[in-house]
Amino acid sequence: MQDRNHLARVTTTHQVHIIENGLIDIPMLQVLKPDGTLHEQAEEPEITQEVACKIYDTMEYIRILDERMIGAQRQGRISFYLASTGEEAAAVGSAAALQPQDMIMSQYREQGALAYRGYTTAQFMNQMFSNEKDPNKGRQMPIHYGDKALNFMTISSPLGTQIPQAAGYAYGQKMAGLDAVTICYFGEGAASEGDFHAGLNMAAVLHCPAIFFCRNNGYAISTPAEEQFAGDGIASRGLGYGVKTIRVDGNDPLAVYAATLKARELALSERCPILIEAMTYRLAAHSTSDDPTGYRSRDEEDKWRLKDPIQRMAKWLQHKGWFDEAANKALIDESRQAVLSALKEAEKIPVNPIDDMVTDVYDKVPPHLQYQMDELKAHIEKYPQAYPKTAGRNK
């Protein structure tokens, strides 16, 4: 029988020994310098031209999508949006290292991972406009995507709920003997939620093949990292829970790709969780409801613009002879036009019938909800000028 004596691994000392925060130096993996050249001590990960160019193209596309949709929100065409400007490498580089059967559990700044898997511009737009083609039937606010076919779990607004869910899903993958992992994205602010601690502890104890991917972008909305925690980032917490941990430059697409490849390999071969802390920076506002000028300086932002992951990747592709300036410009123009056309098309599609709030949720609509629905329809009929013409329509 296995010896379960938890003191067996403990080293004995005979003097007071204080473990200080700086005792363990957790290094950050970096493959590319900010200027796009390879570090002298670094090795390029095994990556094909096709995958490298797809990573770059997806990051470029997401930045265009973000710019257009922020503009659409400012025009009142959608209610809310979250951009990933400056953080594209974290989502796209990691998604590129996964396999299609791997489950993605996202927070709300990983649209790049979804796009890399093939989510179309029309699908993005239909969700954000909550129209009849939105698979969520308008029950979610914008940017709360989900796609069963792409193994992308639907996003929920409460912070951190996906973390223990990812541990449980990965445990199920292990029990089923699947060649698959679950990756779970979240920000360093969400790591302050109790769900983070419960999820990592559960994954460590149950040996779940999960990759917990933390985007440490410096701010939890307006709260800087140094006011959130005194420890050495989020990576040190993984060590505390007995979770293998990698810290990576989140603005370096190749480093993120290499780290996630290794994490997936270990998660499957050793049936264990891995924590990746990607050190990055949110150049955009937290959301369209936020004004970052109130809590950070333009000088700070400008310093991080020099580490732009898209420019970094472009310069490396140029060094490799894999970058065509004319073709890239044509792709950018095409993407801008595609986003604009899909936006105009999606906003013309009628919204979902109001009954969808309660139908196909229950086998039979409960009386109290039916009563509320009848009251709502009567209210809309009494004040039609205050609501869209389609608001009260039936199926």
Protein backbone atom coordinates (compact mmCIF):
# COMPACT_ATOMS: atom_id res chain seq x y z
CA MET A 1 0.00 0.00 0.00
CA GLN A 2 1.23 3.50 -0.83
CA ASP A 3 2.77 5.42 2.05
CA ARG A 4 0.51 8.41 2.60
CA ASN A 5 2.67 10.01 5.28
CA HIS A 6 2.59 13.67 4.25
CA LEU A 7 5.73 14.32 6.31
CA ALA A 8 7.82 11.93 4.25
CA ARG A 9 8.99 14.69 1.88
CA VAL A 10 9.58 17.33 4.54
CA THR A 11 13.18 18.40 5.24
CA THR A 12 14.00 18.91 8.90
CA THR A 13 15.76 22.02 10.21
CA HIS A 14 16.83 22.95 13.73
CA GLN A 15 16.76 26.70 13.37
CA VAL A 16 14.02 29.16 12.47
CA HIS A 17 13.96 29.15 8.68
CA ILE A 18 11.90 31.87 6.99
CA ILE A 19 10.96 31.41 3.35
CA GLU A 20 10.93 34.81 1.67
CA ASN A 21 9.17 35.93 -1.49
CA GLY A 22 12.37 36.44 -3.47
CA LEU A 23 13.91 33.08 -2.61
CA ILE A 24 12.71 31.43 -5.82
CA ASP A 25 13.35 33.29 -9.06
CA ILE A 26 10.78 32.19 -11.65
CA PRO A 27 12.24 32.86 -15.12
CA MET A 28 10.22 34.11 -18.08
CA LEU A 29 10.57 32.27 -21.38
CA GLN A 30 11.37 34.61 -24.26
CA VAL A 31 12.26 33.48 -27.78
CA LEU A 32 12.00 36.73 -29.75
CA LYS A 33 13.42 40.09 -28.80
CA PRO A 34 11.03 43.04 -29.11
CA ASP A 35 12.62 43.84 -32.48
CA GLY A 36 11.60 40.41 -33.80
CA THR A 37 15.07 38.89 -33.85
CA LEU A 38 15.84 35.56 -32.20
CA HIS A 39 17.54 35.64 -28.81
CA GLU A 40 21.07 34.28 -29.00
CA GLN A 41 20.38 31.65 -26.33
CA ALA A 42 16.91 30.74 -27.64
CA GLU A 43 15.83 27.95 -29.93
CA GLU A 44 13.00 28.41 -32.37
CA PRO A 45 10.14 26.02 -31.66
CA GLU A 46 9.34 23.52 -34.38
CA ILE A 47 6.77 25.45 -36.38
CA THR A 48 5.78 25.31 -40.02
CA GLN A 49 5.43 28.33 -42.27
CA GLU A 50 1.69 27.60 -42.53
CA VAL A 51 1.16 27.68 -38.75
CA ALA A 52 3.41 30.72 -38.26
CA CYS A 53 1.59 32.71 -40.94
CA LYS A 54 -1.79 31.64 -39.58
CA ILE A 55 -0.82 32.90 -36.12
CA TYR A 56 0.19 36.25 -37.60
CA ASP A 57 -2.88 36.56 -39.84
CA THR A 58 -5.22 35.72 -36.97
CA MET A 59 -3.64 38.32 -34.68
CA GLU A 60 -3.91 40.93 -37.43
CA TYR A 61 -7.55 39.98 -38.07
CA ILE A 62 -8.46 40.21 -34.38
CA ARG A 63 -6.98 43.69 -34.09
CA ILE A 64 -9.09 44.81 -37.05
CA LEU A 65 -12.19 43.16 -35.56
CA ASP A 66 -11.56 44.88 -32.23
CA GLU A 67 -11.12 48.30 -33.82
CA ARG A 68 -14.30 47.96 -35.86
CA MET A 69 -16.41 46.71 -32.98
CA ILE A 70 -15.25 49.40 -30.57
CA GLY A 71 -16.34 51.86 -33.25
CA ALA A 72 -19.69 50.06 -33.57
CA GLN A 73 -20.23 50.29 -29.82
CA ARG A 74 -19.43 54.00 -29.82
CA GLN A 75 -22.03 54.42 -32.57
CA GLY A 76 -24.64 52.64 -30.44
CA ARG A 77 -24.88 49.65 -32.75
CA ILE A 78 -23.86 47.13 -30.07
CA SER A 79 -24.02 47.59 -26.31
CA PHE A 80 -20.61 46.36 -25.14
CA TYR A 81 -17.21 45.18 -26.31
CA LEU A 82 -13.87 43.99 -24.94
CA ALA A 83 -10.73 44.38 -27.07
CA SER A 84 -7.56 42.31 -26.80
CA THR A 85 -5.19 44.92 -28.23
CA GLY A 86 -1.63 44.12 -27.19
CA GLU A 87 -2.58 40.67 -25.89
CA GLU A 88 -3.25 38.89 -29.18
CA ALA A 89 -0.19 36.65 -28.92
CA ALA A 90 -1.35 35.11 -25.65
CA ALA A 91 -4.60 33.74 -27.06
CA VAL A 92 -3.57 33.01 -30.64
CA GLY A 93 -0.11 31.60 -29.91
CA SER A 94 -1.49 29.21 -27.30
CA ALA A 95 -4.48 28.14 -29.42
CA ALA A 96 -2.10 27.26 -32.26
CA ALA A 97 -0.32 24.76 -30.00
CA LEU A 98 -3.53 22.85 -29.22
CA GLN A 99 -5.35 20.12 -31.10
CA PRO A 100 -8.97 20.41 -32.33
CA GLN A 101 -10.18 17.88 -29.73
CA ASP A 102 -8.85 20.01 -26.85
CA MET A 103 -11.50 21.95 -24.94
CA ILE A 104 -11.12 25.71 -24.61
CA MET A 105 -12.66 27.46 -21.61
CA SER A 106 -12.23 31.17 -22.08
CA GLN A 107 -12.71 34.34 -20.10
CA TYR A 108 -13.68 37.19 -22.41
CA ARG A 109 -10.52 38.37 -24.14
CA GLU A 110 -9.69 35.22 -26.12
CA GLN A 111 -11.52 35.91 -29.37
CA GLY A 112 -8.19 35.18 -31.06
CA ALA A 113 -8.30 31.54 -29.94
CA LEU A 114 -11.80 31.18 -31.35
CA ALA A 115 -10.85 32.83 -34.64
CA TYR A 116 -7.81 30.57 -34.96
CA ARG A 117 -10.11 27.56 -34.72
CA GLY A 118 -12.26 28.84 -37.57
CA TYR A 119 -15.02 30.95 -36.04
CA THR A 120 -16.22 33.16 -38.88
CA THR A 121 -16.75 36.90 -39.05
CA ALA A 122 -20.49 36.30 -39.54
CA GLN A 123 -20.59 34.16 -36.39
CA PHE A 124 -18.85 36.88 -34.37
CA MET A 125 -21.33 39.46 -35.62
CA ASN A 126 -24.45 37.36 -35.10
CA GLN A 127 -23.50 36.79 -31.47
CA MET A 128 -22.72 40.44 -30.82
CA PHE A 129 -25.97 41.62 -32.39
CA SER A 130 -28.00 38.87 -30.65
CA ASN A 131 -29.92 38.27 -33.85
CA GLU A 132 -31.84 35.19 -35.00
CA LYS A 133 -28.64 33.52 -36.15
CA ASP A 134 -27.04 33.84 -32.74
CA PRO A 135 -26.80 30.28 -31.34
CA ASN A 136 -27.22 31.72 -27.83
CA LYS A 137 -30.57 33.18 -28.95
CA GLY A 138 -29.73 36.59 -27.54
CA ARG A 139 -29.46 35.35 -23.97
CA GLN A 140 -25.87 36.51 -23.61
CA MET A 141 -24.36 39.97 -23.82
CA PRO A 142 -21.89 40.66 -26.66
CA ILE A 143 -18.54 38.82 -26.78
CA HIS A 144 -19.86 35.85 -24.76
CA TYR A 145 -19.14 33.37 -27.53
CA GLY A 146 -19.48 29.62 -27.53
CA ASP A 147 -19.25 26.95 -30.21
CA LYS A 148 -19.75 23.24 -29.61
CA ALA A 149 -18.31 22.21 -32.97
CA LEU A 150 -15.05 24.04 -32.21
CA ASN A 151 -14.82 22.75 -28.62
CA PHE A 152 -15.12 26.28 -27.25
CA MET A 153 -17.18 26.42 -24.06
CA THR A 154 -19.64 29.32 -23.89
CA ILE A 155 -18.22 32.25 -21.94
CA SER A 156 -19.87 33.36 -18.70
CA SER A 157 -19.55 36.82 -17.14
CA PRO A 158 -18.74 35.93 -13.51
CA LEU A 159 -14.98 35.87 -13.02
CA GLY A 160 -13.26 32.55 -12.46
CA THR A 161 -16.20 30.18 -12.79
CA GLN A 162 -14.48 28.43 -15.70
CA ILE A 163 -11.44 27.48 -13.58
CA PRO A 164 -12.95 24.70 -11.43
CA GLN A 165 -15.11 23.72 -14.42
CA ALA A 166 -11.92 23.21 -16.44
CA ALA A 167 -10.49 20.97 -13.72
CA GLY A 168 -13.66 18.88 -13.76
CA TYR A 169 -13.81 18.68 -17.55
CA ALA A 170 -10.15 17.66 -17.77
CA TYR A 171 -10.76 15.00 -15.12
CA GLY A 172 -13.54 13.64 -17.32
CA GLN A 173 -11.18 13.60 -20.32
CA LYS A 174 -8.68 11.59 -18.28
CA MET A 175 -11.30 9.11 -17.05
CA ALA A 176 -12.51 8.62 -20.63
CA GLY A 177 -8.96 7.97 -21.81
CA LEU A 178 -9.08 10.78 -24.35
CA ASP A 179 -6.05 12.20 -26.13
CA ALA A 180 -7.15 15.70 -25.16
CA VAL A 181 -6.60 18.46 -22.62
CA THR A 182 -8.61 21.40 -21.40
CA ILE A 183 -7.12 24.89 -21.54
CA CYS A 184 -8.60 27.52 -19.27
CA TYR A 185 -7.92 31.23 -19.82
CA PHE A 186 -8.26 33.94 -17.18
CA GLY A 187 -6.65 37.21 -16.09
CA GLU A 188 -4.50 37.84 -13.05
CA GLY A 189 -7.45 39.65 -11.47
CA ALA A 190 -9.59 36.52 -11.75
CA ALA A 191 -6.82 34.64 -9.93
CA SER A 192 -7.97 36.50 -6.81
CA GLU A 193 -11.28 34.66 -6.94
CA GLY A 194 -11.82 31.63 -4.72
CA ASP A 195 -12.56 29.56 -7.81
CA PHE A 196 -8.91 29.88 -8.84
CA HIS A 197 -7.66 28.25 -5.67
CA ALA A 198 -10.35 25.56 -5.66
CA GLY A 199 -9.78 24.76 -9.33
CA LEU A 200 -5.98 24.49 -9.14
CA ASN A 201 -6.08 22.46 -5.97
CA MET A 202 -8.64 20.05 -7.40
CA ALA A 203 -6.68 19.67 -10.64
CA ALA A 204 -3.44 19.01 -8.75
CA VAL A 205 -4.93 16.45 -6.37
CA LEU A 206 -6.90 14.62 -9.09
CA HIS A 207 -4.07 14.83 -11.67
CA CYS A 208 -6.22 16.50 -14.32
CA PRO A 209 -4.73 17.20 -17.79
CA ALA A 210 -5.59 20.90 -17.68
CA ILE A 211 -3.62 23.95 -18.79
CA PHE A 212 -4.45 26.99 -16.69
CA PHE A 213 -3.44 29.98 -18.80
CA CYS A 214 -3.23 33.28 -16.93
CA ARG A 215 -2.92 36.51 -18.90
CA ASN A 216 -1.14 38.79 -16.46
CA ASN A 217 -1.83 42.05 -18.28
CA GLY A 218 -0.98 44.35 -15.41
CA TYR A 219 -4.44 45.53 -14.43
CA ALA A 220 -7.67 44.12 -13.02
CA ILE A 221 -9.77 46.81 -14.69
CA SER A 222 -8.22 49.83 -12.90
CA THR A 223 -6.34 48.00 -10.14
CA PRO A 224 -2.62 47.52 -10.93
CA ALA A 225 -1.00 44.18 -10.16
CA GLU A 226 1.07 45.57 -7.28
CA GLU A 227 -2.16 46.49 -5.49
CA GLN A 228 -3.69 43.07 -6.13
CA PHE A 229 -1.03 40.84 -4.57
CA ALA A 230 2.40 41.00 -2.93
CA GLY A 231 3.69 37.66 -4.20
CA ASP A 232 5.67 36.88 -7.32
CA GLY A 233 2.84 37.12 -9.81
CA ILE A 234 0.57 34.14 -10.40
CA ALA A 235 3.26 31.60 -11.24
CA SER A 236 4.31 31.27 -7.60
CA ARG A 237 0.79 30.14 -6.70
CA GLY A 238 1.03 27.21 -9.06
CA LEU A 239 4.14 26.01 -7.23
CA GLY A 240 2.28 26.33 -3.95
CA TYR A 241 -0.41 23.95 -5.18
CA GLY A 242 2.08 21.47 -6.58
CA VAL A 243 1.29 22.43 -10.18
CA LYS A 244 4.03 22.46 -12.83
CA THR A 245 4.44 26.09 -13.87
CA ILE A 246 5.77 28.06 -16.84
CA ARG A 247 6.19 31.82 -17.02
CA VAL A 248 6.32 33.21 -20.55
CA ASP A 249 6.57 36.53 -22.36
CA GLY A 250 2.96 36.97 -23.40
CA ASN A 251 3.90 39.41 -26.16
CA ASP A 252 6.16 36.85 -27.82
CA PRO A 253 4.01 34.60 -30.07
CA LEU A 254 6.77 32.00 -30.51
CA ALA A 255 7.44 31.76 -26.79
CA VAL A 256 3.72 31.35 -26.03
CA TYR A 257 3.46 28.69 -28.73
CA ALA A 258 6.50 26.80 -27.39
CA ALA A 259 5.30 27.00 -23.78
CA THR A 260 1.84 25.72 -24.63
CA LEU A 261 3.22 22.89 -26.76
CA LYS A 262 5.32 21.75 -23.80
CA ALA A 263 2.43 22.20 -21.38
CA ARG A 264 0.14 20.05 -23.53
CA GLU A 265 2.81 17.36 -23.86
CA LEU A 266 3.29 17.19 -20.08
CA ALA A 267 -0.42 17.36 -19.28
CA LEU A 268 -1.04 14.30 -21.45
CA SER A 269 2.06 12.24 -20.70
CA GLU A 270 1.99 12.80 -16.95
CA ARG A 271 -1.75 13.39 -16.55
CA CYS A 272 -1.17 16.55 -14.59
CA PRO A 273 -2.17 20.22 -14.64
CA ILE A 274 0.13 22.99 -15.88
CA LEU A 275 -0.05 26.69 -15.04
CA ILE A 276 1.18 29.18 -17.64
CA GLU A 277 1.56 32.82 -16.64
CA ALA A 278 1.83 35.02 -19.73
CA MET A 279 3.32 38.42 -18.89
CA THR A 280 1.64 40.92 -21.20
CA TYR A 281 -0.10 44.30 -21.20
CA ARG A 282 -3.59 45.49 -22.04
CA LEU A 283 -3.12 48.41 -24.44
CA ALA A 284 -6.87 48.80 -24.85
CA ALA A 285 -9.32 49.87 -22.18
CA HIS A 286 -10.65 47.07 -20.01
CA SER A 287 -13.90 47.37 -21.93
CA THR A 288 -15.94 50.02 -23.72
CA SER A 289 -17.21 51.01 -20.24
CA ASP A 290 -13.69 51.87 -19.06
CA ASP A 291 -11.42 54.92 -19.41
CA PRO A 292 -7.80 53.90 -18.71
CA THR A 293 -6.52 57.49 -18.69
CA GLY A 294 -7.80 57.69 -15.12
CA TYR A 295 -5.35 55.12 -13.78
CA ARG A 296 -2.31 54.89 -16.10
CA SER A 297 -0.14 57.20 -18.17
CA ARG A 298 0.33 57.50 -21.90
CA ASP A 299 4.08 57.07 -21.38
CA GLU A 300 3.46 53.66 -19.82
CA GLU A 301 1.32 52.60 -22.76
CA ASP A 302 3.88 53.85 -25.28
CA LYS A 303 6.62 51.74 -23.70
CA TRP A 304 4.48 48.65 -24.20
CA ARG A 305 3.61 49.58 -27.78
CA LEU A 306 7.28 48.94 -28.56
CA LYS A 307 6.62 45.30 -27.60
CA ASP A 308 3.62 44.94 -29.91
CA PRO A 309 3.22 41.20 -30.60
CA ILE A 310 1.97 41.73 -34.15
CA GLN A 311 4.96 43.83 -35.20
CA ARG A 312 7.26 41.43 -33.39
CA MET A 313 5.88 38.47 -35.32
CA ALA A 314 5.94 40.36 -38.62
CA LYS A 315 9.63 41.16 -38.24
CA TRP A 316 10.46 37.54 -37.44
CA LEU A 317 8.49 36.38 -40.49
CA GLN A 318 10.47 38.86 -42.57
CA HIS A 319 13.73 37.41 -41.25
CA LYS A 320 12.47 33.96 -42.25
CA GLY A 321 11.48 35.12 -45.72
CA TRP A 322 7.84 34.20 -44.96
CA PHE A 323 6.37 37.71 -45.10
CA ASP A 324 5.01 39.34 -48.23
CA GLU A 325 4.30 43.05 -47.66
CA ALA A 326 1.94 43.41 -50.60
CA ALA A 327 0.01 40.25 -49.74
CA ASN A 328 -0.26 41.37 -46.12
CA LYS A 329 -1.65 44.77 -47.10
CA ALA A 330 -4.21 43.07 -49.35
CA LEU A 331 -5.20 40.75 -46.49
CA ILE A 332 -5.67 43.68 -44.11
CA ASP A 333 -7.85 45.51 -46.63
CA GLU A 334 -9.86 42.35 -47.26
CA SER A 335 -10.35 41.73 -43.53
CA ARG A 336 -11.52 45.29 -42.91
CA GLN A 337 -14.04 45.02 -45.72
CA ALA A 338 -15.20 41.59 -44.55
CA VAL A 339 -15.76 42.82 -40.98
CA LEU A 340 -17.64 45.90 -42.16
CA SER A 341 -19.83 43.90 -44.56
CA ALA A 342 -20.62 41.26 -41.93
CA LEU A 343 -21.46 43.99 -39.42
CA LYS A 344 -23.92 45.65 -41.78
CA GLU A 345 -25.49 42.30 -42.64
CA ALA A 346 -25.84 41.13 -39.04
CA GLU A 347 -27.58 44.25 -37.81
CA LYS A 348 -30.27 43.81 -40.49
CA ILE A 349 -31.21 40.34 -39.23
CA PRO A 350 -34.18 40.42 -36.83
CA VAL A 351 -33.58 39.86 -33.15
CA ASN A 352 -34.75 36.67 -31.48
CA PRO A 353 -38.41 36.29 -30.53
CA ILE A 354 -39.05 37.41 -26.99
CA ASP A 355 -40.42 33.96 -26.15
CA ASP A 356 -36.91 32.54 -26.52
CA MET A 357 -36.14 33.84 -23.05
CA VAL A 358 -38.15 30.97 -21.58
CA THR A 359 -38.87 28.46 -24.36
CA ASP A 360 -36.47 25.54 -24.91
CA VAL A 361 -35.02 26.31 -21.49
CA TYR A 362 -37.66 24.23 -19.75
CA ASP A 363 -39.60 21.23 -21.05
CA LYS A 364 -42.72 23.19 -20.15
CA VAL A 365 -42.65 26.88 -19.29
CA PRO A 366 -43.35 27.27 -15.54
CA PRO A 367 -46.54 29.21 -14.73
CA HIS A 368 -44.72 32.03 -12.95
CA LEU A 369 -42.49 32.67 -15.99
CA GLN A 370 -45.43 32.47 -18.37
CA TYR A 371 -47.23 35.04 -16.22
CA GLN A 372 -44.22 37.36 -16.37
CA MET A 373 -43.92 36.86 -20.13
CA ASP A 374 -47.59 37.75 -20.65
CA GLU A 375 -47.12 40.88 -18.54
CA LEU A 376 -44.04 41.87 -20.54
CA LYS A 377 -45.83 41.46 -23.86
CA ALA A 378 -48.74 43.53 -22.60
CA HIS A 379 -46.34 46.25 -21.50
CA ILE A 380 -44.63 46.32 -24.91
CA GLU A 381 -47.98 46.46 -26.67
CA LYS A 382 -49.02 49.41 -24.47
CA TYR A 383 -45.78 51.35 -25.14
CA PRO A 384 -44.71 50.25 -28.65
CA GLN A 385 -42.81 53.46 -29.33
CA ALA A 386 -40.27 52.58 -26.63
CA TYR A 387 -39.31 49.18 -28.07
CA PRO A 388 -38.08 47.72 -31.38
CA LYS A 389 -40.86 46.61 -33.68
CA THR A 390 -39.77 42.97 -33.31
CA ALA A 391 -39.56 42.97 -29.52
CA GLY A 392 -42.90 41.43 -28.75
CA ARG A 393 -43.36 39.19 -31.76
CA ASN A 394 -44.04 35.49 -31.39
CA LYS A 395 -42.36 32.68 -33.25
